[in-house]
Structure formats: C-alpha cells, structure tokens
Protein backbone atom coordinates (compact mmCIF):
# COMPACT_ATOMS: atom_id res chain seq x y z
CA UNK A 1 28.01 32.39 2.23
CA UNK A 2 30.30 30.86 4.92
CA UNK A 3 30.45 34.16 6.79
CA UNK A 4 26.67 34.58 6.69
CA UNK A 5 26.19 31.03 7.97
CA UNK A 6 28.74 31.55 10.76
CA UNK A 7 27.00 34.71 11.99
CA UNK A 8 23.56 33.06 11.71
CA UNK A 9 24.74 30.11 13.81
CA UNK A 10 26.14 32.52 16.43
CA UNK A 11 22.79 34.33 16.58
CA UNK A 12 20.92 31.01 16.84
CA UNK A 13 22.82 29.56 19.80
CA UNK A 14 23.96 32.74 21.61
CA UNK A 15 21.95 34.13 24.52
CA UNK A 16 19.77 37.12 23.56
CA UNK A 17 19.21 40.17 25.72
CA UNK A 18 15.49 39.46 25.69
CA UNK A 19 14.75 35.90 26.84
CA UNK A 20 11.38 35.98 25.09
CA UNK A 21 13.21 35.63 21.75
CA UNK A 22 14.91 32.44 22.96
CA UNK A 23 11.57 31.16 24.24
CA UNK A 24 9.74 31.86 20.97
CA UNK A 25 12.53 30.24 18.94
CA UNK A 26 12.46 27.17 21.20
CA UNK A 27 8.67 26.89 20.97
CA UNK A 28 8.85 27.29 17.21
CA UNK A 29 11.51 24.57 16.83
CA UNK A 30 9.54 22.34 19.23
CA UNK A 31 6.34 22.77 17.23
CA UNK A 32 8.15 21.91 14.01
CA UNK A 33 9.73 18.90 15.73
CA UNK A 34 6.36 17.55 16.93
CA UNK A 35 4.72 18.10 13.53
CA UNK A 36 7.62 16.31 11.82
CA UNK A 37 7.30 13.35 14.20
CA UNK A 38 3.58 13.17 13.40
CA UNK A 39 4.28 13.24 9.66
CA UNK A 40 6.95 10.52 9.80
CA UNK A 41 4.90 8.21 12.05
CA UNK A 42 1.59 8.71 10.22
CA UNK A 43 2.98 8.07 6.74
CA UNK A 44 4.93 5.06 8.05
CA UNK A 45 1.74 3.58 9.53
CA UNK A 46 -0.02 3.99 6.17
CA UNK A 47 2.92 2.28 4.48
CA UNK A 48 2.74 -0.52 7.04
CA UNK A 49 -0.96 -1.15 6.49
CA UNK A 50 -0.49 -1.03 2.72
CA UNK A 51 2.35 -3.53 2.91
CA UNK A 52 0.26 -5.76 5.20
CA UNK A 53 -2.78 -5.79 2.91
CA UNK A 54 -0.58 -6.20 -0.16
CA UNK A 55 0.98 -9.27 1.47
CA UNK A 56 -2.47 -10.74 2.05
CA UNK A 57 -3.62 -10.04 -1.49
CA UNK A 58 -0.38 -11.28 -3.02
CA UNK A 59 -0.98 -14.82 -1.77
CA UNK A 60 -3.23 -15.41 -4.77
CA UNK A 61 -2.17 -12.47 -6.94
CA UNK A 62 0.18 -13.30 -9.83
CA UNK A 63 3.05 -11.05 -10.86
CA UNK A 64 1.18 -10.29 -14.09
CA UNK A 65 -2.36 -11.07 -15.20
CA UNK A 66 -3.70 -11.06 -18.78
CA UNK A 67 -7.42 -10.42 -19.31
CA UNK A 68 -9.66 -9.30 -22.14
CA UNK A 69 -10.32 -5.57 -22.52
CA UNK A 70 -13.82 -6.27 -23.87
CA UNK A 71 -15.56 -9.53 -23.13
CA UNK A 72 -15.25 -12.25 -20.53
CA UNK A 73 -13.71 -15.43 -21.91
CA UNK A 74 -11.15 -16.20 -24.60
CA UNK A 75 -9.20 -19.11 -25.99
CA UNK A 76 -5.63 -19.54 -24.71
CA UNK A 77 -4.56 -21.11 -28.00
CA UNK A 78 -4.15 -17.85 -29.94
CA UNK A 79 -0.70 -17.23 -31.47
CA UNK A 80 -0.13 -14.13 -29.34
CA UNK A 81 -0.73 -15.97 -26.07
CA UNK A 82 1.40 -18.90 -27.17
CA UNK A 83 4.20 -16.41 -27.85
CA UNK A 84 3.87 -15.10 -24.29
CA UNK A 85 4.08 -18.66 -22.97
CA UNK A 86 7.45 -19.14 -24.65
CA UNK A 87 9.09 -15.98 -23.24
CA UNK A 88 12.28 -16.83 -21.36
CA UNK A 89 11.51 -14.63 -18.33
CA UNK A 90 8.21 -16.42 -17.58
CA UNK A 91 8.66 -19.01 -14.82
CA UNK A 92 5.05 -20.25 -14.66
CA UNK A 93 2.13 -19.78 -17.07
CA UNK A 94 -1.29 -20.62 -15.64
CA UNK A 95 -4.65 -20.39 -17.50
CA UNK A 96 -7.53 -19.55 -15.13
CA UNK A 97 -11.32 -19.57 -15.37
CA UNK A 98 -13.22 -17.47 -12.82
CA UNK A 99 -17.00 -17.24 -12.50
CA UNK A 100 -19.67 -17.11 -9.81
CA UNK A 101 -21.58 -20.12 -8.57
CA UNK A 102 -23.60 -21.38 -5.63
CA UNK A 103 -21.91 -23.60 -3.06
CA UNK A 104 -24.01 -25.84 -0.85
CA UNK A 105 -23.54 -28.23 2.05
CA UNK A 106 -26.75 -29.88 3.22
CA UNK A 107 -29.08 -26.94 3.96
CA UNK A 108 -26.31 -24.33 4.16
CA UNK A 109 -25.57 -22.43 0.96
CA UNK A 110 -23.95 -19.20 -0.23
CA UNK A 111 -22.37 -17.66 -3.31
CA UNK A 112 -18.73 -18.23 -4.20
CA UNK A 113 -16.23 -17.40 -6.92
CA UNK A 114 -15.05 -20.53 -8.65
CA UNK A 115 -11.41 -20.33 -9.68
CA UNK A 116 -10.45 -23.12 -12.04
CA UNK A 117 -6.69 -23.47 -12.21
CA UNK A 118 -4.20 -25.60 -14.11
CA UNK A 119 -2.11 -28.20 -12.21
CA UNK A 120 0.95 -25.90 -11.97
CA UNK A 121 -0.99 -23.27 -9.99
CA UNK A 122 0.43 -24.56 -6.69
CA UNK A 123 3.88 -23.57 -7.99
CA UNK A 124 2.76 -19.94 -8.32
CA UNK A 125 1.52 -19.41 -4.78
CA UNK A 126 2.95 -20.17 -1.36
CA UNK A 127 0.15 -22.44 -0.17
CA UNK A 128 1.95 -24.07 2.76
CA UNK A 129 1.79 -20.91 4.87
CA UNK A 130 -1.97 -20.39 4.45
CA UNK A 131 -3.42 -23.90 4.81
CA UNK A 132 -5.34 -24.25 8.07
CA UNK A 133 -6.63 -27.73 7.23
CA UNK A 134 -5.65 -30.37 4.70
CA UNK A 135 -3.59 -29.64 1.58
CA UNK A 136 -3.94 -27.39 -1.46
CA UNK A 137 -4.72 -30.16 -3.95
CA UNK A 138 -7.24 -29.67 -6.76
CA UNK A 139 -6.54 -32.93 -8.56
CA UNK A 140 -4.94 -36.20 -7.50
CA UNK A 141 -4.66 -39.35 -9.62
CA UNK A 142 -7.35 -38.01 -11.95
CA UNK A 143 -9.81 -37.24 -9.13
CA UNK A 144 -10.84 -33.55 -8.80
CA UNK A 145 -11.02 -31.89 -5.39
CA UNK A 146 -12.06 -28.46 -4.10
CA UNK A 147 -10.18 -26.05 -1.84
CA UNK A 148 -12.14 -23.29 -0.09
CA UNK A 149 -11.47 -20.47 2.38
CA UNK A 150 -11.96 -20.74 6.11
CA UNK A 151 -14.70 -18.09 6.25
CA UNK A 152 -16.55 -19.82 3.41
CA UNK A 153 -16.23 -23.18 5.18
CA UNK A 154 -17.76 -21.63 8.31
CA UNK A 155 -20.69 -20.28 6.31
CA UNK A 156 -21.60 -23.67 4.89
CA UNK A 157 -20.41 -25.59 7.98
CA UNK A 158 -18.06 -27.85 6.07
CA UNK A 159 -14.61 -29.34 6.60
CA UNK A 160 -12.02 -31.29 4.65
CA UNK A 161 -12.49 -34.10 7.17
CA UNK A 162 -16.17 -34.55 6.30
CA UNK A 163 -17.11 -37.60 4.21
CA UNK A 164 -19.97 -35.67 2.63
CA UNK A 165 -19.04 -33.68 -0.53
CA UNK A 166 -20.04 -30.11 -1.21
CA UNK A 167 -22.28 -29.24 -4.17
CA UNK A 168 -21.67 -26.51 -6.73
CA UNK A 169 -24.43 -25.01 -8.88
CA UNK A 170 -23.82 -22.94 -12.01
CA UNK A 171 -26.58 -21.76 -14.37
CA UNK A 172 -26.68 -23.32 -17.84
CA UNK A 173 -25.88 -20.68 -20.45
CA UNK A 174 -28.56 -19.63 -22.95
CA UNK A 175 -31.33 -21.60 -21.28
CA UNK A 176 -34.55 -20.61 -19.59
CA UNK A 177 -35.24 -21.38 -15.97
CA UNK A 178 -37.28 -24.54 -15.52
CA UNK A 179 -39.88 -23.45 -12.96
CA UNK A 180 -41.18 -26.96 -12.48
CA UNK A 181 -37.73 -28.29 -11.62
CA UNK A 182 -35.25 -25.41 -11.12
CA UNK A 183 -32.31 -27.74 -10.57
CA UNK A 184 -32.45 -28.72 -14.27
CA UNK A 185 -31.46 -25.13 -15.11
CA UNK A 186 -28.09 -25.64 -13.40
CA UNK A 187 -24.95 -27.62 -13.93
CA UNK A 188 -24.39 -29.44 -10.64
CA UNK A 189 -21.13 -30.97 -9.51
CA UNK A 190 -20.05 -32.56 -6.24
CA UNK A 191 -16.54 -32.36 -4.76
CA UNK A 192 -14.77 -33.50 -1.65
CA UNK A 193 -12.67 -30.85 0.08
CA UNK A 194 -8.95 -31.50 0.08
CA UNK A 195 -8.10 -28.45 2.16
CA UNK A 196 -9.17 -25.13 3.68
CA UNK A 197 -6.99 -22.01 3.45
CA UNK A 198 -6.93 -18.94 5.69
CA UNK A 199 -5.16 -15.71 4.72
CA UNK A 200 -6.59 -13.71 7.64
CA UNK A 201 -8.47 -11.43 5.22
CA UNK A 202 -12.21 -12.11 5.46
CA UNK A 203 -12.90 -10.93 1.90
CA UNK A 204 -10.42 -13.42 0.46
CA UNK A 205 -11.27 -16.28 2.82
CA UNK A 206 -14.98 -16.04 2.04
CA UNK A 207 -14.58 -15.66 -1.72
CA UNK A 208 -12.76 -18.44 -3.57
CA UNK A 209 -13.42 -22.07 -4.31
CA UNK A 210 -10.51 -23.63 -6.21
CA UNK A 211 -11.15 -26.41 -8.74
CA UNK A 212 -9.21 -28.03 -11.58
CA UNK A 213 -9.48 -25.92 -14.74
CA UNK A 214 -11.21 -28.69 -16.73
CA UNK A 215 -13.79 -29.21 -13.97
CA UNK A 216 -14.56 -25.47 -13.84
CA UNK A 217 -14.95 -25.37 -17.63
CA UNK A 218 -17.35 -28.29 -17.46
CA UNK A 219 -19.30 -26.68 -14.61
CA UNK A 220 -19.82 -23.43 -16.55
CA UNK A 221 -20.30 -25.07 -19.93
CA UNK A 222 -17.12 -23.81 -21.64
CA UNK A 223 -15.01 -25.88 -24.01
CA UNK A 224 -11.48 -24.57 -23.52
CA UNK A 225 -12.22 -20.91 -22.77
CA UNK A 226 -10.62 -19.10 -19.85
CA UNK A 227 -11.04 -15.67 -18.23
CA UNK A 228 -7.39 -14.86 -17.56
CA UNK A 229 -3.80 -16.02 -17.74
CA UNK A 230 -1.69 -15.62 -14.61
CA UNK A 231 2.07 -15.31 -14.91
CA UNK A 232 4.88 -15.73 -12.42
CA UNK A 233 8.14 -14.04 -13.41
CA UNK A 234 11.60 -15.36 -12.76
CA UNK A 235 13.54 -13.77 -9.92
CA UNK A 236 15.22 -10.49 -10.75
CA UNK A 237 12.84 -9.63 -13.60
CA UNK A 238 11.38 -6.12 -13.48
CA UNK A 239 7.55 -6.45 -13.67
CA UNK A 240 7.27 -3.08 -15.43
CA UNK A 241 9.59 -4.11 -18.24
CA UNK A 242 7.96 -7.54 -18.50
CA UNK A 243 4.50 -5.97 -18.62
CA UNK A 244 5.57 -3.60 -21.37
CA UNK A 245 6.99 -6.41 -23.52
CA UNK A 246 3.96 -8.68 -23.02
CA UNK A 247 1.53 -5.82 -23.79
CA UNK A 248 3.31 -5.28 -27.12
CA UNK A 249 2.95 -8.98 -27.97
CA UNK A 250 -0.75 -9.44 -27.06
CA UNK A 251 -1.84 -6.09 -28.51
CA UNK A 252 -4.71 -3.76 -27.52
CA UNK A 253 -7.23 -6.61 -27.32
CA UNK A 254 -5.78 -7.74 -23.98
CA UNK A 255 -5.08 -5.94 -20.74
CA UNK A 256 -1.87 -6.77 -18.81
CA UNK A 257 -2.03 -5.91 -15.08
CA UNK A 258 0.63 -5.98 -12.40
CA UNK A 259 -0.11 -6.71 -8.71
CA UNK A 260 -1.09 -3.12 -7.92
CA UNK A 261 -3.38 -2.76 -10.94
CA UNK A 262 -5.24 -5.94 -9.99
CA UNK A 263 -6.54 -4.05 -6.92
CA UNK A 264 -6.50 -0.57 -8.40
CA UNK A 265 -9.42 0.80 -6.36
CA UNK A 266 -7.89 -0.31 -3.07
CA UNK A 267 -4.49 1.19 -3.82
CA UNK A 268 -6.02 4.44 -5.05
CA UNK A 269 -8.07 4.71 -1.85
CA UNK A 270 -4.99 4.09 0.32
CA UNK A 271 -2.97 6.70 -1.55
CA UNK A 272 -5.76 9.30 -1.38
CA UNK A 273 -6.16 8.77 2.38
CA UNK A 274 -2.40 8.94 2.88
CA UNK A 275 -1.90 12.21 1.00
CA UNK A 276 -5.00 13.88 2.46
CA UNK A 277 -3.58 13.11 5.91
CA UNK A 278 -0.22 14.44 4.76
CA UNK A 279 -1.79 17.74 3.64
CA UNK A 280 -3.69 18.13 6.93
CA UNK A 281 -0.49 17.61 8.93
CA UNK A 282 1.41 20.00 6.65
CA UNK A 283 -1.23 22.65 7.39
CA UNK A 284 -0.67 22.12 11.12
CA UNK A 285 3.07 22.31 10.50
CA UNK A 286 2.67 25.65 8.73
CA UNK A 287 1.09 27.12 11.85
CA UNK A 288 4.19 26.13 13.82
CA UNK A 289 6.58 27.36 11.13
CA UNK A 290 4.90 30.77 10.92
CA UNK A 291 6.09 31.43 14.45
CA UNK A 292 9.47 31.93 12.82
CA UNK A 293 8.21 35.29 11.55
CA UNK A 294 7.67 36.63 15.06
CA UNK A 295 10.94 35.21 16.37
CA UNK A 296 12.96 36.54 13.43
CA UNK A 297 11.32 39.96 13.50
CA UNK A 298 12.16 40.39 17.18
CA UNK A 299 15.73 39.24 16.53
CA UNK A 300 16.13 41.81 13.72
CA UNK A 301 14.93 44.57 16.06
CA UNK A 302 17.36 43.42 18.78
CA UNK A 303 20.30 43.31 16.38
CA UNK A 304 19.89 46.85 15.02
CA UNK A 305 23.38 47.85 16.25
CA UNK A 306 24.90 44.74 14.69
CA UNK A 307 23.22 45.52 11.37
CA UNK A 308 24.57 49.09 11.50
CA UNK A 309 28.06 47.77 12.29
CA UNK A 310 27.92 45.33 9.40
CA UNK A 311 26.90 48.12 7.03
CA UNK A 312 29.76 50.31 8.27
CA UNK A 313 32.35 47.62 7.55
CA UNK A 314 31.04 47.16 4.02
CA UNK A 315 28.41 44.44 4.26
CA UNK A 316 25.82 44.69 1.51
CA UNK A 317 22.05 44.64 2.08
CA UNK A 318 21.93 41.26 0.37
CA UNK A 319 24.49 39.80 2.77
CA UNK A 320 22.63 41.13 5.84
CA UNK A 321 19.35 39.68 4.57
CA UNK A 322 21.05 36.34 3.96
CA UNK A 323 22.27 36.24 7.57
CA UNK A 324 18.76 36.58 8.99
CA UNK A 325 17.27 34.37 6.29
CA UNK A 326 19.67 31.61 7.33
CA UNK A 327 18.92 32.34 11.00
CA UNK A 328 15.19 31.77 10.46
CA UNK A 329 15.80 28.75 8.24
CA UNK A 330 18.12 27.17 10.80
CA UNK A 331 15.28 27.16 13.36
CA UNK A 332 13.22 25.12 10.89
CA UNK A 333 16.16 22.82 10.08
CA UNK A 334 16.87 22.10 13.75
CA UNK A 335 13.21 21.30 14.48
CA UNK A 336 12.83 19.17 11.35
CA UNK A 337 16.09 17.26 11.94
CA UNK A 338 15.30 16.44 15.57
CA UNK A 339 11.71 15.51 14.66
CA UNK A 340 12.89 13.22 11.85
CA UNK A 341 15.38 11.42 14.08
CA UNK A 342 12.79 10.94 16.85
CA UNK A 343 10.07 9.92 14.38
CA UNK A 344 12.23 7.34 12.60
CA UNK A 345 13.46 6.00 15.95
CA UNK A 346 9.89 5.59 17.23
CA UNK A 347 8.88 3.85 13.99
CA UNK A 348 11.82 1.43 14.15
CA UNK A 349 11.05 0.63 17.79
CA UNK A 350 7.41 -0.03 16.92
CA UNK A 351 8.46 -2.11 13.94
CA UNK A 352 10.71 -4.36 16.03
CA UNK A 353 8.96 -4.43 19.41
CA UNK A 354 5.31 -3.50 18.64
CA UNK A 355 4.69 -1.32 21.70
CA UNK A 356 1.38 0.08 20.41
CA UNK A 357 -1.07 -2.81 20.19
CA UNK A 358 -4.14 -3.38 18.04
CA UNK A 359 -6.31 -4.85 20.76
CA UNK A 360 -9.47 -4.24 22.74
CA UNK A 361 -9.80 -3.48 26.45
CA UNK A 362 -9.32 -7.17 27.32
CA UNK A 363 -6.01 -7.28 25.47
CA UNK A 364 -7.27 -9.68 22.81
CA UNK A 365 -6.65 -8.65 19.22
CA UNK A 366 -9.29 -9.18 16.55
CA UNK A 367 -6.89 -8.13 13.80
CA UNK A 368 -4.43 -9.96 11.58
CA UNK A 369 -1.49 -8.48 13.51
CA UNK A 370 -1.21 -7.64 17.20
CA UNK A 371 0.54 -4.27 16.79
CA UNK A 372 0.34 -1.35 14.38
CA UNK A 373 2.35 -2.23 11.26
CA UNK A 374 5.12 0.26 10.39
CA UNK A 375 7.15 0.69 7.23
CA UNK A 376 9.58 3.62 6.99
CA UNK A 377 10.28 4.66 3.39
CA UNK A 378 13.16 6.92 2.39
CA UNK A 379 11.01 8.65 -0.24
CA UNK A 380 8.54 9.78 2.45
CA UNK A 381 11.34 11.13 4.66
CA UNK A 382 12.79 13.03 1.70
CA UNK A 383 9.37 14.47 0.83
CA UNK A 384 8.71 15.54 4.43
CA UNK A 385 12.08 17.24 4.83
CA UNK A 386 11.87 18.93 1.43
CA UNK A 387 8.39 20.28 2.17
CA UNK A 388 9.32 21.53 5.64
CA UNK A 389 12.53 23.20 4.50
CA UNK A 390 10.78 24.88 1.57
CA UNK A 391 8.05 26.25 3.85
CA UNK A 392 10.69 27.33 6.38
CA UNK A 393 12.70 29.15 3.74
CA UNK A 394 9.62 30.98 2.48
CA UNK A 395 8.53 31.97 5.99
CA UNK A 396 12.05 33.18 6.90
CA UNK A 397 12.17 35.28 3.72
CA UNK A 398 9.07 37.31 4.70
CA UNK A 399 10.56 39.42 7.58
CA UNK A 400 13.98 39.80 5.92
CA UNK A 401 12.43 41.79 3.08
CA UNK A 402 11.81 44.72 5.43
CA UNK A 403 15.25 44.99 7.05
CA UNK A 404 16.16 48.05 4.99
CA UNK A 405 12.85 49.76 5.72
CA UNK A 406 13.10 49.05 9.45
CA UNK A 407 16.54 50.62 9.58
C-alpha cells in the first residue's frame, strides 16, 4: 500500500499535461473545503445556542427530579422517598409544590406558577448571579416572602421596594364558584416581595413565583403533599448512574428525570433542527465531492502510458485501481482537512472575540448575548470528517472500476 500511496501523492501534486485537470482538482478540493467549513461552523453555532439555553434553564433545574408517573401530588413521607433522601451521593434534597395561581398588584393581574420550596432550596441554585433586585429569601424569622421574575414584576408593576404586598389567588379544591362573591371561591394570600430575579429568558422570568413550601401548601389546600422532589448531586457523581439507582429504589410509580429530560421537547427540537441542517449541508457537499469523478476520469485517461508501464512491470489490476482510488480520495482528504482547520479556527476566534454580533442596525443587541455563541465539539468534528471521507471514498471508487475496460 505504501507504493500505491507514493504514486498517488506524486500524481496529486505533480503538474499535469492538461491544466484543466489541475483546475478541476483544485475546484473540487475548494468546494469540499468550503462545505466542511460550513458544516463545522453551523454545528458549532447550534451547540453554542444549546449550551446557552441549557445554562439559562439550569438556573432552576435540579440535577435530578422525581415526579409521579400518574397523578399530580404525593406524600414525601413514603419509605421509598425516605430511602432516596439518605443516599450518600445526594447533596441536597428539596420537596417542591408547583401549581398555577393568579398574581395581583392593585389593578394589574396575570397568571403565574407558584413554586413552593423548602428552606434549603437556595443551596441548590446559584441565586446571587440572577438577582436584579433584593435577595432570594422566601422565609425569614418565620415571616414568608415571595420572589418573582423580572418580566412578571413588569406585568404587575411591582417591586421589592414597594410597601404594598402582592396578592395570590388559588381556587379552593372541590368547591363550586360563588357567583355572588367570587373571591370566596379562592384561597387568598398576601406577600411582600423580598427579591426579583432575571435569567434573561422571558419564559422563565415571567413564569415563577417562589414561596415557602408550607405557604404554597396552605394556598392550594394541601396538607403535606408535593408535586416533585428536586435533587442536587455531589460533585463528581454521574447523573446517569445516580438516576438509574434512584429509579430502582422508587419503582415504576415515579419518574426520575435528568436536566435534559426536564425540557425534553426543547432538546428534541434543537437536535432535529441541527441534524436536518447537517443533512442539507451534506447534500451540498456531495455535489462538490462528485466533481472528483470528472477529475479522476480525466487523470486516468492522461495516465494511460503510465498504466501500461505499470502492467508491464508486473503491477496487478488491483494495485493500479488502488493508486487512482487513493488519488481521488486524497483530493477529498486535502479539502476536508483544510476546511476543518479553517472552520475550527473561525469558531475559536468567534468564541473568544465575538466578531459576528447579534445586534440590529443601530448596534444594540436585544438578545441575552451580544455575539453568536459557539461551542466546538470533538464528536461533531469526527462525524463530519468520517462522513466526508466515506463519501469521498465511494465517489473515487466509481471511475476506478472501469480502468480495465478503458484500457
């Protein structure tokens, strides 16, 4: 194989009698290079956006979350759940009650998701980096407080500095609406705001109102029921292994979700978009790679005397085919290698310097970040190179099949 590769390299870089062959080979390698750059940059941008959104979601997303498969609320005092609480790889164990309610400030009102949390919830999330006003405190010296998102605060025109409390309305379970006095059909509670958070994601910032767990249970008329248990794992613990062990303990009645599964629809959508884009770019790449057929066919015709000489000195048909197969494949390899290096370099430059901005014509950005986020992953580079080289090998094989017939 060394001899075949040596001859193929000589054919690749030596000057041909017909310059058109050099031109076609150069165009072919250039097309492969550009398509490879597009693949590397596009997949890296998708990775960057996914990492960005994941970082926003993960502010309030636990490492693992336990919910009921069927039903809404459950008691945290079951033996299975108490066994999970005592596992040595669990750093924090937080019962949570989530339900929808109405939030009101004077005449301004909107819907919100109440999230009642236990006192150790602040140990599970990095609240210091997201607080735009006040502190993330849901209970202090026995007094309950509320924490809401910035977008939600704008909707009801409230602030943690206001001396007027907000009002929360939750319907009383198993009771009919009192048409004469509708407010009697609701549990009503009033809270002062201790803080307002801002993650930069409008869906999150307009969704949650955090309360103490006992206050949320009282608001919705539950005794000690909760809707989920959120878990933070100790550093170095593999979430997949932890999930598997916890799922065996709690049984089929409960569902154990990792961070990705908690937003399954979003991650599925991102992956589908990413791989559809990948397939479209691969199709464009195939058009460039198929130019190898023309270049290689013309080279075979030009090297008729060389082929005859090789036969006369004892070269087999298989060896001759391997020479031209490697010749065609090398064009693909050169284009793919140069494209990968350029693509990764561009991505790293964008990642560190942010040349391409996410901004309008005035230069002001309405996005969470000012520049396109980039994340280069080795698995994507491997997939791109493997796909390109496989297509290149197949395309180079097509004209080499007819060498014997042409001679």
